C-alpha atoms as a PDB file:
ATOM      1  CA  MET A   1       1.101 -10.587  28.600  1.00  0.00           C
ATOM      2  CA  SER A   2       2.708  -8.710  25.719  1.00  0.00           C
ATOM      3  CA  VAL A   3       0.839  -8.088  22.505  1.00  0.00           C
ATOM      4  CA  GLU A   4       2.554  -8.225  19.123  1.00  0.00           C
ATOM      5  CA  LEU A   5       1.639  -5.829  16.344  1.00  0.00           C
ATOM      6  CA  PRO A   6      -0.415  -7.254  13.490  1.00  0.00           C
ATOM      7  CA  LYS A   7       1.626  -8.621  10.575  1.00  0.00           C
ATOM      8  CA  ASP A   8       0.922  -8.332   6.853  1.00  0.00           C
ATOM      9  CA  HIS A   9       1.110 -11.027   4.157  1.00  0.00           C
ATOM     10  CA  GLU A  10       4.924 -10.808   4.018  1.00  0.00           C
ATOM     11  CA  GLY A  11       5.264 -10.852   7.808  1.00  0.00           C
ATOM     12  CA  HIS A  12       6.006  -7.117   8.182  1.00  0.00           C
ATOM     13  CA  GLU A  13       4.689  -5.502  11.359  1.00  0.00           C
ATOM     14  CA  ILE A  14       1.811  -3.133  10.612  1.00  0.00           C
ATOM     15  CA  PRO A  15       1.991   0.085  12.665  1.00  0.00           C
ATOM     16  CA  LEU A  16      -1.340   0.887  14.312  1.00  0.00           C
ATOM     17  CA  ASP A  17      -1.387   4.329  12.669  1.00  0.00           C
ATOM     18  CA  THR A  18      -1.386   2.783   9.174  1.00  0.00           C
ATOM     19  CA  GLU A  19      -4.097   4.313   7.005  1.00  0.00           C
ATOM     20  CA  VAL A  20      -3.795   2.275   3.786  1.00  0.00           C
ATOM     21  CA  LEU A  21      -3.110  -1.392   3.064  1.00  0.00           C
ATOM     22  CA  TYR A  22      -3.406  -3.330  -0.222  1.00  0.00           C
ATOM     23  CA  ASP A  23      -4.970  -6.587  -1.357  1.00  0.00           C
ATOM     24  CA  ASN A  24      -3.140  -9.115  -3.565  1.00  0.00           C
ATOM     25  CA  ASN A  25      -4.160  -7.209  -6.709  1.00  0.00           C
ATOM     26  CA  GLY A  26      -2.864  -3.888  -5.384  1.00  0.00           C
ATOM     27  CA  ALA A  27      -6.310  -2.416  -4.598  1.00  0.00           C
ATOM     28  CA  LYS A  28      -6.223   0.142  -1.771  1.00  0.00           C
ATOM     29  CA  PHE A  29      -7.888  -0.749   1.518  1.00  0.00           C
ATOM     30  CA  ASN A  30      -8.505   2.359   3.646  1.00  0.00           C
ATOM     31  CA  VAL A  31      -8.079   1.391   7.299  1.00  0.00           C
ATOM     32  CA  ASP A  32     -10.583   2.682   9.854  1.00  0.00           C
ATOM     33  CA  GLU A  33      -9.506   0.707  12.901  1.00  0.00           C
ATOM     34  CA  PHE A  34      -7.463  -2.154  14.273  1.00  0.00           C
ATOM     35  CA  LYS A  35      -9.077  -4.483  16.753  1.00  0.00           C
ATOM     36  CA  LEU A  36      -7.417  -7.005  19.019  1.00  0.00           C
ATOM     37  CA  CYS A  37      -9.792  -9.906  19.610  1.00  0.00           C
ATOM     38  CA  ALA A  38      -9.266 -12.239  22.536  1.00  0.00           C
ATOM     39  CA  LEU A  39     -10.363 -15.836  22.918  1.00  0.00           C
ATOM     40  CA  PRO A  40     -10.705 -16.214  26.696  1.00  0.00           C
ATOM     41  CA  SER A  41     -10.963 -19.989  26.679  1.00  0.00           C
ATOM     42  CA  SER A  42      -7.568 -20.436  25.015  1.00  0.00           C
ATOM     43  CA  ARG A  43      -5.814 -17.237  26.126  1.00  0.00           C
ATOM     44  CA  THR A  44      -5.217 -16.529  22.449  1.00  0.00           C
ATOM     45  CA  SER A  45      -5.683 -13.248  20.660  1.00  0.00           C
ATOM     46  CA  PHE A  46      -5.696 -12.115  17.041  1.00  0.00           C
ATOM     47  CA  TRP A  47      -5.973  -8.857  15.106  1.00  0.00           C
ATOM     48  CA  THR A  48      -8.669  -7.744  12.686  1.00  0.00           C
ATOM     49  CA  ILE A  49      -8.675  -4.638  10.512  1.00  0.00           C
ATOM     50  CA  ARG A  50     -11.857  -2.752   9.651  1.00  0.00           C
ATOM     51  CA  GLY A  51     -12.000  -0.529   6.606  1.00  0.00           C
ATOM     52  CA  VAL A  52     -13.235  -0.037   3.085  1.00  0.00           C
ATOM     53  CA  PHE A  53     -11.778  -0.698  -0.346  1.00  0.00           C
ATOM     54  CA  GLU A  54     -11.261   2.294  -2.581  1.00  0.00           C
ATOM     55  CA  ASP A  55     -14.292   2.886  -4.844  1.00  0.00           C
ATOM     56  CA  GLU A  56     -16.540   0.833  -2.535  1.00  0.00           C
ATOM     57  CA  GLU A  57     -18.898   1.961   0.189  1.00  0.00           C
ATOM     58  CA  GLU A  58     -19.436  -1.066   2.402  1.00  0.00           C
ATOM     59  CA  LYS A  59     -16.967  -1.532   5.249  1.00  0.00           C
ATOM     60  CA  CYS A  60     -15.547  -4.965   5.964  1.00  0.00           C
ATOM     61  CA  ASN A  61     -13.188  -6.740   8.331  1.00  0.00           C
ATOM     62  CA  PHE A  62      -9.967  -8.430   7.270  1.00  0.00           C
ATOM     63  CA  LEU A  63      -7.285 -10.474   8.938  1.00  0.00           C
ATOM     64  CA  PRO A  64      -4.005  -8.544   8.585  1.00  0.00           C
ATOM     65  CA  HIS A  65      -2.064 -11.429   7.047  1.00  0.00           C
ATOM     66  CA  LEU A  66      -4.361 -11.230   3.995  1.00  0.00           C
ATOM     67  CA  LEU A  67      -3.265  -7.667   3.220  1.00  0.00           C
ATOM     68  CA  HIS A  68      -0.004  -5.967   2.228  1.00  0.00           C
ATOM     69  CA  LEU A  69       1.732  -2.981   3.792  1.00  0.00           C
ATOM     70  CA  ILE A  70       3.546  -2.293   0.504  1.00  0.00           C
ATOM     71  CA  GLN A  71       1.507  -2.323  -2.701  1.00  0.00           C
ATOM     72  CA  PRO A  72       2.289  -5.536  -4.575  1.00  0.00           C
ATOM     73  CA  ASP A  73       3.155  -5.391  -8.235  1.00  0.00           C
ATOM     74  CA  SER A  74       0.437  -6.259 -10.743  1.00  0.00           C
ATOM     75  CA  TRP A  75      -0.042  -6.484 -14.497  1.00  0.00           C
ATOM     76  CA  LYS A  76      -2.102  -3.295 -14.305  1.00  0.00           C
ATOM     77  CA  ARG A  77       0.667  -1.466 -12.425  1.00  0.00           C
ATOM     78  CA  LEU A  78       3.323  -2.672 -14.890  1.00  0.00           C
ATOM     79  CA  LEU A  79       1.249  -1.398 -17.834  1.00  0.00           C
ATOM     80  CA  GLU A  80       0.657   1.929 -16.068  1.00  0.00           C
ATOM     81  CA  ASP A  81       4.404   2.298 -15.454  1.00  0.00           C
ATOM     82  CA  LEU A  82       5.159   1.573 -19.123  1.00  0.00           C
ATOM     83  CA  ASP A  83       2.453   3.961 -20.363  1.00  0.00           C
ATOM     84  CA  SER A  84       3.685   6.656 -18.013  1.00  0.00           C
ATOM     85  CA  CYS A  85       7.325   6.454 -19.082  1.00  0.00           C
ATOM     86  CA  CYS A  86       6.373   6.377 -22.774  1.00  0.00           C
ATOM     87  CA  ALA A  87       4.248   9.519 -22.329  1.00  0.00           C
ATOM     88  CA  SER A  88       7.091  11.310 -20.549  1.00  0.00           C
ATOM     89  CA  THR A  89       9.220  13.923 -22.276  1.00  0.00           C
ATOM     90  CA  ARG A  90      12.251  12.602 -20.407  1.00  0.00           C
ATOM     91  CA  TYR A  91      14.674   9.881 -21.500  1.00  0.00           C
ATOM     92  CA  ILE A  92      12.515   6.741 -21.291  1.00  0.00           C
ATOM     93  CA  PRO A  93      14.801   4.616 -19.044  1.00  0.00           C
ATOM     94  CA  CYS A  94      15.080   7.516 -16.560  1.00  0.00           C
ATOM     95  CA  ALA A  95      11.297   7.958 -16.595  1.00  0.00           C
ATOM     96  CA  TYR A  96      10.702   4.206 -16.102  1.00  0.00           C
ATOM     97  CA  LEU A  97      13.286   3.878 -13.324  1.00  0.00           C
ATOM     98  CA  ASN A  98      11.768   6.988 -11.643  1.00  0.00           C
ATOM     99  CA  LYS A  99      14.970   8.970 -11.656  1.00  0.00           C
ATOM    100  CA  SER A 100      14.347  12.537 -10.533  1.00  0.00           C
ATOM    101  CA  SER A 101      16.883  13.852 -13.027  1.00  0.00           C
ATOM    102  CA  ASP A 102      18.740  12.575 -16.052  1.00  0.00           C
ATOM    103  CA  ASP A 103      22.045  12.932 -14.155  1.00  0.00           C
ATOM    104  CA  CYS A 104      23.769   9.608 -14.776  1.00  0.00           C
ATOM    105  CA  ASP A 105      26.234  10.136 -11.909  1.00  0.00           C
ATOM    106  CA  LYS A 106      23.338   9.964  -9.411  1.00  0.00           C
ATOM    107  CA  CYS A 107      21.624   6.956 -11.005  1.00  0.00           C
ATOM    108  CA  LEU A 108      21.164   3.935  -8.758  1.00  0.00           C
ATOM    109  CA  SER A 109      21.373   1.463 -11.644  1.00  0.00           C
ATOM    110  CA  ASP A 110      24.675  -0.154 -12.567  1.00  0.00           C
ATOM    111  CA  PRO A 111      26.799   2.593 -14.190  1.00  0.00           C
ATOM    112  CA  ASN A 112      28.700  -0.007 -16.224  1.00  0.00           C
ATOM    113  CA  LYS A 113      25.651  -1.040 -18.243  1.00  0.00           C
ATOM    114  CA  GLU A 114      23.405   0.789 -20.646  1.00  0.00           C
ATOM    115  CA  CYS A 115      20.266   2.344 -19.191  1.00  0.00           C
ATOM    116  CA  VAL A 116      18.027   0.612 -21.741  1.00  0.00           C
ATOM    117  CA  VAL A 117      19.484  -2.774 -20.760  1.00  0.00           C
ATOM    118  CA  GLN A 118      18.806  -1.984 -17.076  1.00  0.00           C
ATOM    119  CA  MET A 119      15.211  -1.004 -17.884  1.00  0.00           C
ATOM    120  CA  VAL A 120      14.514  -4.103 -20.007  1.00  0.00           C
ATOM    121  CA  LYS A 121      16.029  -6.406 -17.362  1.00  0.00           C
ATOM    122  CA  HIS A 122      13.841  -4.789 -14.675  1.00  0.00           C
ATOM    123  CA  ILE A 123      10.708  -5.185 -16.808  1.00  0.00           C
ATOM    124  CA  ALA A 124      11.593  -8.833 -17.524  1.00  0.00           C
ATOM    125  CA  LEU A 125      12.127  -9.466 -13.790  1.00  0.00           C
ATOM    126  CA  ARG A 126       8.702  -7.972 -12.986  1.00  0.00           C
ATOM    127  CA  ILE A 127       7.061 -10.125 -15.682  1.00  0.00           C
ATOM    128  CA  ARG A 128       8.704 -13.282 -14.338  1.00  0.00           C
ATOM    129  CA  LYS A 129       7.567 -12.479 -10.785  1.00  0.00           C
ATOM    130  CA  LEU A 130       4.020 -11.772 -11.960  1.00  0.00           C
ATOM    131  CA  ARG A 131       3.990 -15.095 -13.826  1.00  0.00           C
ATOM    132  CA  GLY A 132       5.091 -16.825 -10.609  1.00  0.00           C
ATOM    133  CA  GLU A 133       8.569 -17.756 -11.831  1.00  0.00           C
ATOM    134  CA  ASP A 134      11.641 -17.582  -9.618  1.00  0.00           C
END
């Protein structure tokens, strides 16, 4: 009998050496252990993850499909990103898009469009996703 790795909310396989997962709001869940539970009567098994949320003390168990391997976006994260780029001494679109330098030739955004337009479109896309729009 082969055993599949646990899968997160998006269906990504979670490596068993993963140390941090995230809830739907982006809160960090520090992983202590993975446990494969077997139901002998039905020959079925399922994974649980034991750990603790950041800033909490009590450990708890979660089913992997309720957590995320990659931190989901949130209103809080969007505001933090905007605050961070506005506080930067760099060109604001480069700071928002996390460009390591202001070298336009190495920018991953579309070189045929203005950087500010790229930034505003990305922010609008994030807002639409957070509102649940397609």
